[in-house]
Amino acid sequence: MNEAVISKIADAIAFAEGFFVAGSRPHRNNNPGDLERDLTSKGRGWDGPYVIYATPQEGWEALRHQVRLMFNGSFFALRARLPYFVHNFFKKRWSRTKALEIYLL
């Protein structure tokens, strides 16, 4: 998967999770994806089920790593199809129109 696409998807996930809202849990935890699994082993602790990273950079690295794993089928059965991912991830968070905009980027 192209790194530009990985970054765009990570940005969309961070937006959907509220990372860009000051004081939000993802923002406080340096965890833009609000990740519950520490697949990079860089987590510094836990906030309930959510991983806390020492820096935003570590959180972004973890999120991009998870997105890569999702698309190569190593994280969960995603079928490696972007439309499937967009539909299922964003269906409860945004309208399908917004999800389609993300897909078409």
PDB file of N, CA and C in Angstrom:
ATOM      1  N   MET A   1       0.857  -1.180   0.000  1.00  0.00           N
ATOM      2  CA  MET A   1       0.000   0.000   0.000  1.00  0.00           C
ATOM      3  C   MET A   1       0.894   1.230   0.000  1.00  0.00           C
ATOM      4  N   ASN A   2       0.536   2.193  -0.780  1.00  0.00           N
ATOM      5  CA  ASN A   2       1.249   3.452  -0.919  1.00  0.00           C
ATOM      6  C   ASN A   2       1.262   4.216   0.415  1.00  0.00           C
ATOM      7  N   GLU A   3       2.418   4.744   0.792  1.00  0.00           N
ATOM      8  CA  GLU A   3       2.540   5.459   2.080  1.00  0.00           C
ATOM      9  C   GLU A   3       1.668   6.712   2.135  1.00  0.00           C
ATOM     10  N   ALA A   4       1.442   7.362   0.992  1.00  0.00           N
ATOM     11  CA  ALA A   4       0.563   8.533   0.983  1.00  0.00           C
ATOM     12  C   ALA A   4      -0.864   8.126   1.345  1.00  0.00           C
ATOM     13  N   VAL A   5      -1.297   6.987   0.845  1.00  0.00           N
ATOM     14  CA  VAL A   5      -2.637   6.485   1.166  1.00  0.00           C
ATOM     15  C   VAL A   5      -2.710   6.103   2.642  1.00  0.00           C
ATOM     16  N   ILE A   6      -1.669   5.446   3.136  1.00  0.00           N
ATOM     17  CA  ILE A   6      -1.618   5.079   4.561  1.00  0.00           C
ATOM     18  C   ILE A   6      -1.763   6.333   5.420  1.00  0.00           C
ATOM     19  N   SER A   7      -1.031   7.388   5.078  1.00  0.00           N
ATOM     20  CA  SER A   7      -1.083   8.638   5.852  1.00  0.00           C
ATOM     21  C   SER A   7      -2.459   9.281   5.802  1.00  0.00           C
ATOM     22  N   LYS A   8      -3.093   9.276   4.627  1.00  0.00           N
ATOM     23  CA  LYS A   8      -4.428   9.866   4.512  1.00  0.00           C
ATOM     24  C   LYS A   8      -5.444   9.100   5.351  1.00  0.00           C
ATOM     25  N   ILE A   9      -5.336   7.794   5.327  1.00  0.00           N
ATOM     26  CA  ILE A   9      -6.260   6.986   6.128  1.00  0.00           C
ATOM     27  C   ILE A   9      -6.002   7.219   7.616  1.00  0.00           C
ATOM     28  N   ALA A  10      -4.736   7.287   8.008  1.00  0.00           N
ATOM     29  CA  ALA A  10      -4.405   7.567   9.413  1.00  0.00           C
ATOM     30  C   ALA A  10      -4.953   8.933   9.829  1.00  0.00           C
ATOM     31  N   ASP A  11      -4.821   9.930   8.963  1.00  0.00           N
ATOM     32  CA  ASP A  11      -5.369  11.260   9.259  1.00  0.00           C
ATOM     33  C   ASP A  11      -6.883  11.200   9.441  1.00  0.00           C
ATOM     34  N   ALA A  12      -7.551  10.456   8.569  1.00  0.00           N
ATOM     35  CA  ALA A  12      -9.009  10.338   8.655  1.00  0.00           C
ATOM     36  C   ALA A  12      -9.423   9.640   9.951  1.00  0.00           C
ATOM     37  N   ILE A  13      -8.686   8.608  10.329  1.00  0.00           N
ATOM     38  CA  ILE A  13      -8.982   7.909  11.584  1.00  0.00           C
ATOM     39  C   ILE A  13      -8.783   8.850  12.766  1.00  0.00           C
ATOM     40  N   ALA A  14      -7.677   9.595  12.766  1.00  0.00           N
ATOM     41  CA  ALA A  14      -7.402  10.537  13.857  1.00  0.00           C
ATOM     42  C   ALA A  14      -8.509  11.581  13.965  1.00  0.00           C
ATOM     43  N   PHE A  15      -8.975  12.070  12.821  1.00  0.00           N
ATOM     44  CA  PHE A  15     -10.063  13.047  12.820  1.00  0.00           C
ATOM     45  C   PHE A  15     -11.328  12.423  13.411  1.00  0.00           C
ATOM     46  N   ALA A  16     -11.656  11.217  12.965  1.00  0.00           N
ATOM     47  CA  ALA A  16     -12.866  10.542  13.446  1.00  0.00           C
ATOM     48  C   ALA A  16     -12.791  10.244  14.941  1.00  0.00           C
ATOM     49  N   GLU A  17     -11.592   9.969  15.440  1.00  0.00           N
ATOM     50  CA  GLU A  17     -11.416   9.647  16.861  1.00  0.00           C
ATOM     51  C   GLU A  17     -11.333  10.891  17.743  1.00  0.00           C
ATOM     52  N   GLY A  18     -11.235  12.073  17.147  1.00  0.00           N
ATOM     53  CA  GLY A  18     -11.194  13.302  17.929  1.00  0.00           C
ATOM     54  C   GLY A  18      -9.807  13.744  18.355  1.00  0.00           C
ATOM     55  N   PHE A  19      -8.769  13.222  17.711  1.00  0.00           N
ATOM     56  CA  PHE A  19      -7.397  13.546  18.094  1.00  0.00           C
ATOM     57  C   PHE A  19      -7.096  15.041  18.007  1.00  0.00           C
ATOM     58  N   PHE A  20      -7.692  15.726  17.054  1.00  0.00           N
ATOM     59  CA  PHE A  20      -7.385  17.136  16.834  1.00  0.00           C
ATOM     60  C   PHE A  20      -8.161  18.071  17.763  1.00  0.00           C
ATOM     61  N   VAL A  21      -8.941  17.507  18.672  1.00  0.00           N
ATOM     62  CA  VAL A  21      -9.686  18.295  19.656  1.00  0.00           C
ATOM     63  C   VAL A  21      -8.853  18.364  20.935  1.00  0.00           C
ATOM     64  N   ALA A  22      -8.435  19.571  21.294  1.00  0.00           N
ATOM     65  CA  ALA A  22      -7.622  19.749  22.505  1.00  0.00           C
ATOM     66  C   ALA A  22      -8.348  19.164  23.712  1.00  0.00           C
ATOM     67  N   GLY A  23      -7.625  18.381  24.499  1.00  0.00           N
ATOM     68  CA  GLY A  23      -8.182  17.799  25.710  1.00  0.00           C
ATOM     69  C   GLY A  23      -8.883  16.467  25.515  1.00  0.00           C
ATOM     70  N   SER A  24      -9.060  16.038  24.269  1.00  0.00           N
ATOM     71  CA  SER A  24      -9.710  14.744  24.031  1.00  0.00           C
ATOM     72  C   SER A  24      -8.793  13.615  24.490  1.00  0.00           C
ATOM     73  N   ARG A  25      -9.361  12.465  24.744  1.00  0.00           N
ATOM     74  CA  ARG A  25      -8.556  11.325  25.195  1.00  0.00           C
ATOM     75  C   ARG A  25      -7.445  11.001  24.199  1.00  0.00           C
ATOM     76  N   PRO A  26      -7.729  10.891  22.891  1.00  0.00           N
ATOM     77  CA  PRO A  26      -6.636  10.591  21.953  1.00  0.00           C
ATOM     78  C   PRO A  26      -5.535  11.656  21.992  1.00  0.00           C
ATOM     79  N   HIS A  27      -5.926  12.918  22.156  1.00  0.00           N
ATOM     80  CA  HIS A  27      -4.944  14.009  22.213  1.00  0.00           C
ATOM     81  C   HIS A  27      -4.092  13.903  23.473  1.00  0.00           C
ATOM     82  N   ARG A  28      -4.730  13.701  24.609  1.00  0.00           N
ATOM     83  CA  ARG A  28      -3.998  13.573  25.885  1.00  0.00           C
ATOM     84  C   ARG A  28      -3.051  12.376  25.887  1.00  0.00           C
ATOM     85  N   ASN A  29      -3.469  11.300  25.244  1.00  0.00           N
ATOM     86  CA  ASN A  29      -2.691  10.062  25.255  1.00  0.00           C
ATOM     87  C   ASN A  29      -1.676   9.971  24.115  1.00  0.00           C
ATOM     88  N   ASN A  30      -1.558  11.034  23.313  1.00  0.00           N
ATOM     89  CA  ASN A  30      -0.675  10.996  22.134  1.00  0.00           C
ATOM     90  C   ASN A  30      -1.001   9.782  21.266  1.00  0.00           C
ATOM     91  N   ASN A  31      -2.278   9.466  21.158  1.00  0.00           N
ATOM     92  CA  ASN A  31      -2.749   8.261  20.481  1.00  0.00           C
ATOM     93  C   ASN A  31      -3.809   8.659  19.451  1.00  0.00           C
ATOM     94  N   PRO A  32      -3.394   9.115  18.258  1.00  0.00           N
ATOM     95  CA  PRO A  32      -4.353   9.632  17.282  1.00  0.00           C
ATOM     96  C   PRO A  32      -5.395   8.619  16.827  1.00  0.00           C
ATOM     97  N   GLY A  33      -5.092   7.342  16.908  1.00  0.00           N
ATOM     98  CA  GLY A  33      -6.052   6.320  16.501  1.00  0.00           C
ATOM     99  C   GLY A  33      -6.878   5.775  17.642  1.00  0.00           C
ATOM    100  N   ASP A  34      -6.654   6.291  18.854  1.00  0.00           N
ATOM    101  CA  ASP A  34      -7.327   5.770  20.049  1.00  0.00           C
ATOM    102  C   ASP A  34      -7.144   4.252  20.116  1.00  0.00           C
ATOM    103  N   LEU A  35      -5.916   3.818  19.848  1.00  0.00           N
ATOM    104  CA  LEU A  35      -5.594   2.394  19.751  1.00  0.00           C
ATOM    105  C   LEU A  35      -5.705   1.698  21.098  1.00  0.00           C
ATOM    106  N   GLU A  36      -6.198   0.490  21.055  1.00  0.00           N
ATOM    107  CA  GLU A  36      -6.346  -0.329  22.253  1.00  0.00           C
ATOM    108  C   GLU A  36      -5.324  -1.457  22.302  1.00  0.00           C
ATOM    109  N   ARG A  37      -4.524  -1.587  21.262  1.00  0.00           N
ATOM    110  CA  ARG A  37      -3.466  -2.603  21.226  1.00  0.00           C
ATOM    111  C   ARG A  37      -2.159  -1.913  20.886  1.00  0.00           C
ATOM    112  N   ASP A  38      -1.120  -2.247  21.613  1.00  0.00           N
ATOM    113  CA  ASP A  38       0.196  -1.635  21.407  1.00  0.00           C
ATOM    114  C   ASP A  38       1.033  -2.532  20.493  1.00  0.00           C
ATOM    115  N   LEU A  39       0.804  -2.412  19.198  1.00  0.00           N
ATOM    116  CA  LEU A  39       1.462  -3.281  18.226  1.00  0.00           C
ATOM    117  C   LEU A  39       2.909  -2.897  17.952  1.00  0.00           C
ATOM    118  N   THR A  40       3.337  -1.722  18.404  1.00  0.00           N
ATOM    119  CA  THR A  40       4.725  -1.295  18.198  1.00  0.00           C
ATOM    120  C   THR A  40       5.566  -1.442  19.462  1.00  0.00           C
ATOM    121  N   SER A  41       4.951  -1.800  20.555  1.00  0.00           N
ATOM    122  CA  SER A  41       5.631  -1.934  21.863  1.00  0.00           C
ATOM    123  C   SER A  41       6.282  -0.631  22.319  1.00  0.00           C
ATOM    124  N   LYS A  42       5.707   0.505  21.920  1.00  0.00           N
ATOM    125  CA  LYS A  42       6.226   1.806  22.337  1.00  0.00           C
ATOM    126  C   LYS A  42       5.314   2.494  23.348  1.00  0.00           C
ATOM    127  N   GLY A  43       4.226   1.843  23.718  1.00  0.00           N
ATOM    128  CA  GLY A  43       3.310   2.429  24.678  1.00  0.00           C
ATOM    129  C   GLY A  43       3.977   2.622  26.029  1.00  0.00           C
ATOM    130  N   ARG A  44       3.584   3.688  26.727  1.00  0.00           N
ATOM    131  CA  ARG A  44       4.163   4.013  28.038  1.00  0.00           C
ATOM    132  C   ARG A  44       3.208   3.726  29.186  1.00  0.00           C
ATOM    133  N   GLY A  45       1.985   3.344  28.843  1.00  0.00           N
ATOM    134  CA  GLY A  45       0.992   3.070  29.869  1.00  0.00           C
ATOM    135  C   GLY A  45      -0.375   2.914  29.243  1.00  0.00           C
ATOM    136  N   TRP A  46      -1.390   2.934  30.106  1.00  0.00           N
ATOM    137  CA  TRP A  46      -2.769   2.719  29.665  1.00  0.00           C
ATOM    138  C   TRP A  46      -3.691   3.738  30.318  1.00  0.00           C
ATOM    139  N   ASP A  47      -4.683   4.160  29.575  1.00  0.00           N
ATOM    140  CA  ASP A  47      -5.764   5.007  30.057  1.00  0.00           C
ATOM    141  C   ASP A  47      -7.033   4.202  29.806  1.00  0.00           C
ATOM    142  N   GLY A  48      -7.393   3.385  30.788  1.00  0.00           N
ATOM    143  CA  GLY A  48      -8.460   2.415  30.540  1.00  0.00           C
ATOM    144  C   GLY A  48      -7.949   1.429  29.499  1.00  0.00           C
ATOM    145  N   PRO A  49      -8.712   1.206  28.436  1.00  0.00           N
ATOM    146  CA  PRO A  49      -8.260   0.263  27.407  1.00  0.00           C
ATOM    147  C   PRO A  49      -7.325   0.880  26.367  1.00  0.00           C
ATOM    148  N   TYR A  50      -7.061   2.194  26.459  1.00  0.00           N
ATOM    149  CA  TYR A  50      -6.326   2.909  25.417  1.00  0.00           C
ATOM    150  C   TYR A  50      -4.844   3.061  25.752  1.00  0.00           C
ATOM    151  N   VAL A  51      -4.014   2.864  24.744  1.00  0.00           N
ATOM    152  CA  VAL A  51      -2.565   2.979  24.903  1.00  0.00           C
ATOM    153  C   VAL A  51      -2.184   4.449  25.060  1.00  0.00           C
ATOM    154  N   ILE A  52      -1.236   4.726  25.938  1.00  0.00           N
ATOM    155  CA  ILE A  52      -0.649   6.064  26.078  1.00  0.00           C
ATOM    156  C   ILE A  52       0.749   6.005  25.474  1.00  0.00           C
ATOM    157  N   TYR A  53       1.023   6.926  24.557  1.00  0.00           N
ATOM    158  CA  TYR A  53       2.353   7.035  23.954  1.00  0.00           C
ATOM    159  C   TYR A  53       3.053   8.264  24.519  1.00  0.00           C
ATOM    160  N   ALA A  54       4.372   8.226  24.573  1.00  0.00           N
ATOM    161  CA  ALA A  54       5.151   9.326  25.146  1.00  0.00           C
ATOM    162  C   ALA A  54       5.076  10.579  24.285  1.00  0.00           C
ATOM    163  N   THR A  55       4.999  10.410  22.977  1.00  0.00           N
ATOM    164  CA  THR A  55       4.977  11.557  22.061  1.00  0.00           C
ATOM    165  C   THR A  55       3.920  11.334  20.981  1.00  0.00           C
ATOM    166  N   PRO A  56       3.437  12.413  20.386  1.00  0.00           N
ATOM    167  CA  PRO A  56       2.517  12.251  19.258  1.00  0.00           C
ATOM    168  C   PRO A  56       3.154  11.451  18.117  1.00  0.00           C
ATOM    169  N   GLN A  57       4.444  11.655  17.894  1.00  0.00           N
ATOM    170  CA  GLN A  57       5.138  10.927  16.832  1.00  0.00           C
ATOM    171  C   GLN A  57       5.022   9.412  17.033  1.00  0.00           C
ATOM    172  N   GLU A  58       5.221   8.945  18.261  1.00  0.00           N
ATOM    173  CA  GLU A  58       5.092   7.508  18.538  1.00  0.00           C
ATOM    174  C   GLU A  58       3.666   7.025  18.285  1.00  0.00           C
ATOM    175  N   GLY A  59       2.693   7.853  18.638  1.00  0.00           N
ATOM    176  CA  GLY A  59       1.298   7.496  18.385  1.00  0.00           C
ATOM    177  C   GLY A  59       0.984   7.415  16.901  1.00  0.00           C
ATOM    178  N   TRP A  60       1.500   8.380  16.130  1.00  0.00           N
ATOM    179  CA  TRP A  60       1.298   8.355  14.675  1.00  0.00           C
ATOM    180  C   TRP A  60       1.971   7.140  14.058  1.00  0.00           C
ATOM    181  N   GLU A  61       3.173   6.820  14.511  1.00  0.00           N
ATOM    182  CA  GLU A  61       3.866   5.628  13.996  1.00  0.00           C
ATOM    183  C   GLU A  61       3.038   4.374  14.268  1.00  0.00           C
ATOM    184  N   ALA A  62       2.474   4.282  15.463  1.00  0.00           N
ATOM    185  CA  ALA A  62       1.664   3.114  15.822  1.00  0.00           C
ATOM    186  C   ALA A  62       0.403   3.034  14.963  1.00  0.00           C
ATOM    187  N   LEU A  63      -0.241   4.168  14.744  1.00  0.00           N
ATOM    188  CA  LEU A  63      -1.456   4.179  13.929  1.00  0.00           C
ATOM    189  C   LEU A  63      -1.142   3.781  12.488  1.00  0.00           C
ATOM    190  N   ARG A  64      -0.099   4.364  11.910  1.00  0.00           N
ATOM    191  CA  ARG A  64       0.265   4.001  10.529  1.00  0.00           C
ATOM    192  C   ARG A  64       0.644   2.519  10.438  1.00  0.00           C
ATOM    193  N   HIS A  65       1.322   2.015  11.451  1.00  0.00           N
ATOM    194  CA  HIS A  65       1.682   0.593  11.477  1.00  0.00           C
ATOM    195  C   HIS A  65       0.419  -0.273  11.479  1.00  0.00           C
ATOM    196  N   GLN A  66      -0.551   0.099  12.300  1.00  0.00           N
ATOM    197  CA  GLN A  66      -1.788  -0.677  12.354  1.00  0.00           C
ATOM    198  C   GLN A  66      -2.527  -0.619  11.024  1.00  0.00           C
ATOM    199  N   VAL A  67      -2.569   0.546  10.381  1.00  0.00           N
ATOM    200  CA  VAL A  67      -3.243   0.657   9.081  1.00  0.00           C
ATOM    201  C   VAL A  67      -2.559  -0.253   8.061  1.00  0.00           C
ATOM    202  N   ARG A  68      -1.226  -0.255   8.052  1.00  0.00           N
ATOM    203  CA  ARG A  68      -0.496  -1.153   7.139  1.00  0.00           C
ATOM    204  C   ARG A  68      -0.876  -2.612   7.394  1.00  0.00           C
ATOM    205  N   LEU A  69      -0.914  -2.994   8.669  1.00  0.00           N
ATOM    206  CA  LEU A  69      -1.268  -4.370   9.015  1.00  0.00           C
ATOM    207  C   LEU A  69      -2.695  -4.709   8.590  1.00  0.00           C
ATOM    208  N   MET A  70      -3.598  -3.749   8.714  1.00  0.00           N
ATOM    209  CA  MET A  70      -4.979  -3.979   8.311  1.00  0.00           C
ATOM    210  C   MET A  70      -5.055  -4.260   6.815  1.00  0.00           C
ATOM    211  N   PHE A  71      -4.279  -3.539   6.037  1.00  0.00           N
ATOM    212  CA  PHE A  71      -4.365  -3.707   4.590  1.00  0.00           C
ATOM    213  C   PHE A  71      -3.592  -4.898   4.063  1.00  0.00           C
ATOM    214  N   ASN A  72      -2.651  -5.419   4.808  1.00  0.00           N
ATOM    215  CA  ASN A  72      -1.995  -6.641   4.329  1.00  0.00           C
ATOM    216  C   ASN A  72      -2.622  -7.882   4.958  1.00  0.00           C
ATOM    217  N   GLY A  73      -3.681  -7.673   5.740  1.00  0.00           N
ATOM    218  CA  GLY A  73      -4.430  -8.790   6.299  1.00  0.00           C
ATOM    219  C   GLY A  73      -3.858  -9.362   7.579  1.00  0.00           C
ATOM    220  N   SER A  74      -2.843  -8.711   8.160  1.00  0.00           N
ATOM    221  CA  SER A  74      -2.203  -9.237   9.366  1.00  0.00           C
ATOM    222  C   SER A  74      -2.900  -8.830  10.658  1.00  0.00           C
ATOM    223  N   PHE A  75      -3.694  -7.784  10.636  1.00  0.00           N
ATOM    224  CA  PHE A  75      -4.320  -7.302  11.868  1.00  0.00           C
ATOM    225  C   PHE A  75      -5.686  -7.947  12.080  1.00  0.00           C
ATOM    226  N   PHE A  76      -6.518  -7.853  11.073  1.00  0.00           N
ATOM    227  CA  PHE A  76      -7.789  -8.567  11.084  1.00  0.00           C
ATOM    228  C   PHE A  76      -8.245  -8.724   9.649  1.00  0.00           C
ATOM    229  N   ALA A  77      -9.203  -9.577   9.435  1.00  0.00           N
ATOM    230  CA  ALA A  77      -9.646  -9.876   8.071  1.00  0.00           C
ATOM    231  C   ALA A  77     -10.349  -8.673   7.467  1.00  0.00           C
ATOM    232  N   LEU A  78      -9.614  -7.894   6.755  1.00  0.00           N
ATOM    233  CA  LEU A  78     -10.151  -6.682   6.146  1.00  0.00           C
ATOM    234  C   LEU A  78     -10.468  -6.897   4.679  1.00  0.00           C
ATOM    235  N   ARG A  79      -9.970  -7.973   4.137  1.00  0.00           N
ATOM    236  CA  ARG A  79     -10.104  -8.293   2.724  1.00  0.00           C
ATOM    237  C   ARG A  79      -9.307  -7.328   1.866  1.00  0.00           C
ATOM    238  N   ALA A  80      -8.462  -6.522   2.509  1.00  0.00           N
ATOM    239  CA  ALA A  80      -7.547  -5.612   1.823  1.00  0.00           C
ATOM    240  C   ALA A  80      -8.240  -4.748   0.784  1.00  0.00           C
ATOM    241  N   ARG A  81      -9.430  -4.313   1.083  1.00  0.00           N
ATOM    242  CA  ARG A  81     -10.160  -3.461   0.140  1.00  0.00           C
ATOM    243  C   ARG A  81     -10.500  -2.145   0.820  1.00  0.00           C
ATOM    244  N   LEU A  82     -10.058  -1.060   0.225  1.00  0.00           N
ATOM    245  CA  LEU A  82     -10.298   0.256   0.803  1.00  0.00           C
ATOM    246  C   LEU A  82     -11.783   0.579   0.948  1.00  0.00           C
ATOM    247  N   PRO A  83     -12.629   0.323  -0.054  1.00  0.00           N
ATOM    248  CA  PRO A  83     -14.057   0.637   0.134  1.00  0.00           C
ATOM    249  C   PRO A  83     -14.671  -0.117   1.315  1.00  0.00           C
ATOM    250  N   TYR A  84     -14.277  -1.362   1.508  1.00  0.00           N
ATOM    251  CA  TYR A  84     -14.775  -2.150   2.632  1.00  0.00           C
ATOM    252  C   TYR A  84     -14.364  -1.502   3.951  1.00  0.00           C
ATOM    253  N   PHE A  85     -13.105  -1.096   4.044  1.00  0.00           N
ATOM    254  CA  PHE A  85     -12.607  -0.440   5.251  1.00  0.00           C
ATOM    255  C   PHE A  85     -13.363   0.861   5.518  1.00  0.00           C
ATOM    256  N   VAL A  86     -13.463   1.702   4.503  1.00  0.00           N
ATOM    257  CA  VAL A  86     -14.122   3.001   4.668  1.00  0.00           C
ATOM    258  C   VAL A  86     -15.561   2.801   5.120  1.00  0.00           C
ATOM    259  N   HIS A  87     -16.273   1.907   4.468  1.00  0.00           N
ATOM    260  CA  HIS A  87     -17.674   1.677   4.825  1.00  0.00           C
ATOM    261  C   HIS A  87     -17.808   1.213   6.275  1.00  0.00           C
ATOM    262  N   ASN A  88     -17.013   0.245   6.665  1.00  0.00           N
ATOM    263  CA  ASN A  88     -17.155  -0.329   8.003  1.00  0.00           C
ATOM    264  C   ASN A  88     -16.597   0.543   9.111  1.00  0.00           C
ATOM    265  N   PHE A  89     -15.486   1.228   8.889  1.00  0.00           N
ATOM    266  CA  PHE A  89     -14.919   2.059   9.945  1.00  0.00           C
ATOM    267  C   PHE A  89     -15.745   3.312  10.173  1.00  0.00           C
ATOM    268  N   PHE A  90     -16.175   3.937   9.094  1.00  0.00           N
ATOM    269  CA  PHE A  90     -16.808   5.243   9.216  1.00  0.00           C
ATOM    270  C   PHE A  90     -18.328   5.208   9.279  1.00  0.00           C
ATOM    271  N   LYS A  91     -18.949   4.050   9.119  1.00  0.00           N
ATOM    272  CA  LYS A  91     -20.408   4.040   9.036  1.00  0.00           C
ATOM    273  C   LYS A  91     -21.091   4.570  10.288  1.00  0.00           C
ATOM    274  N   LYS A  92     -20.489   4.398  11.451  1.00  0.00           N
ATOM    275  CA  LYS A  92     -21.103   4.908  12.676  1.00  0.00           C
ATOM    276  C   LYS A  92     -20.552   6.266  13.078  1.00  0.00           C
ATOM    277  N   ARG A  93     -19.466   6.677  12.474  1.00  0.00           N
ATOM    278  CA  ARG A  93     -18.816   7.906  12.902  1.00  0.00           C
ATOM    279  C   ARG A  93     -19.177   9.093  12.015  1.00  0.00           C
ATOM    280  N   TRP A  94     -19.274   8.839  10.738  1.00  0.00           N
ATOM    281  CA  TRP A  94     -19.595   9.908   9.793  1.00  0.00           C
ATOM    282  C   TRP A  94     -20.660   9.414   8.838  1.00  0.00           C
ATOM    283  N   SER A  95     -21.186  10.352   8.076  1.00  0.00           N
ATOM    284  CA  SER A  95     -22.115   9.944   7.034  1.00  0.00           C
ATOM    285  C   SER A  95     -21.356   9.205   5.932  1.00  0.00           C
ATOM    286  N   ARG A  96     -22.053   8.434   5.164  1.00  0.00           N
ATOM    287  CA  ARG A  96     -21.403   7.725   4.056  1.00  0.00           C
ATOM    288  C   ARG A  96     -20.856   8.705   3.032  1.00  0.00           C
ATOM    289  N   THR A  97     -21.474   9.873   2.903  1.00  0.00           N
ATOM    290  CA  THR A  97     -20.959  10.886   1.985  1.00  0.00           C
ATOM    291  C   THR A  97     -19.568  11.311   2.407  1.00  0.00           C
ATOM    292  N   LYS A  98     -19.372  11.570   3.695  1.00  0.00           N
ATOM    293  CA  LYS A  98     -18.051  11.960   4.197  1.00  0.00           C
ATOM    294  C   LYS A  98     -17.057  10.818   4.013  1.00  0.00           C
ATOM    295  N   ALA A  99     -17.482   9.593   4.261  1.00  0.00           N
ATOM    296  CA  ALA A  99     -16.601   8.441   4.066  1.00  0.00           C
ATOM    297  C   ALA A  99     -16.187   8.327   2.610  1.00  0.00           C
ATOM    298  N   LEU A 100     -17.114   8.591   1.696  1.00  0.00           N
ATOM    299  CA  LEU A 100     -16.783   8.535   0.275  1.00  0.00           C
ATOM    300  C   LEU A 100     -15.770   9.615  -0.083  1.00  0.00           C
ATOM    301  N   GLU A 101     -15.902  10.796   0.509  1.00  0.00           N
ATOM    302  CA  GLU A 101     -14.918  11.856   0.269  1.00  0.00           C
ATOM    303  C   GLU A 101     -13.526  11.401   0.680  1.00  0.00           C
ATOM    304  N   ILE A 102     -13.411  10.757   1.827  1.00  0.00           N
ATOM    305  CA  ILE A 102     -12.120  10.247   2.289  1.00  0.00           C
ATOM    306  C   ILE A 102     -11.586   9.219   1.304  1.00  0.00           C
ATOM    307  N   TYR A 103     -12.462   8.327   0.856  1.00  0.00           N
ATOM    308  CA  TYR A 103     -12.049   7.279  -0.079  1.00  0.00           C
ATOM    309  C   TYR A 103     -11.526   7.869  -1.382  1.00  0.00           C
ATOM    310  N   LEU A 104     -12.138   8.944  -1.845  1.00  0.00           N
ATOM    311  CA  LEU A 104     -11.772   9.524  -3.135  1.00  0.00           C
ATOM    312  C   LEU A 104     -10.548  10.418  -3.074  1.00  0.00           C
ATOM    313  N   LEU A 105     -10.013  10.696  -1.903  1.00  0.00           N
ATOM    314  CA  LEU A 105      -8.818  11.539  -1.780  1.00  0.00           C
ATOM    315  C   LEU A 105      -7.650  10.975  -2.545  1.00  0.00           C
TER     316      LEU A 105
END
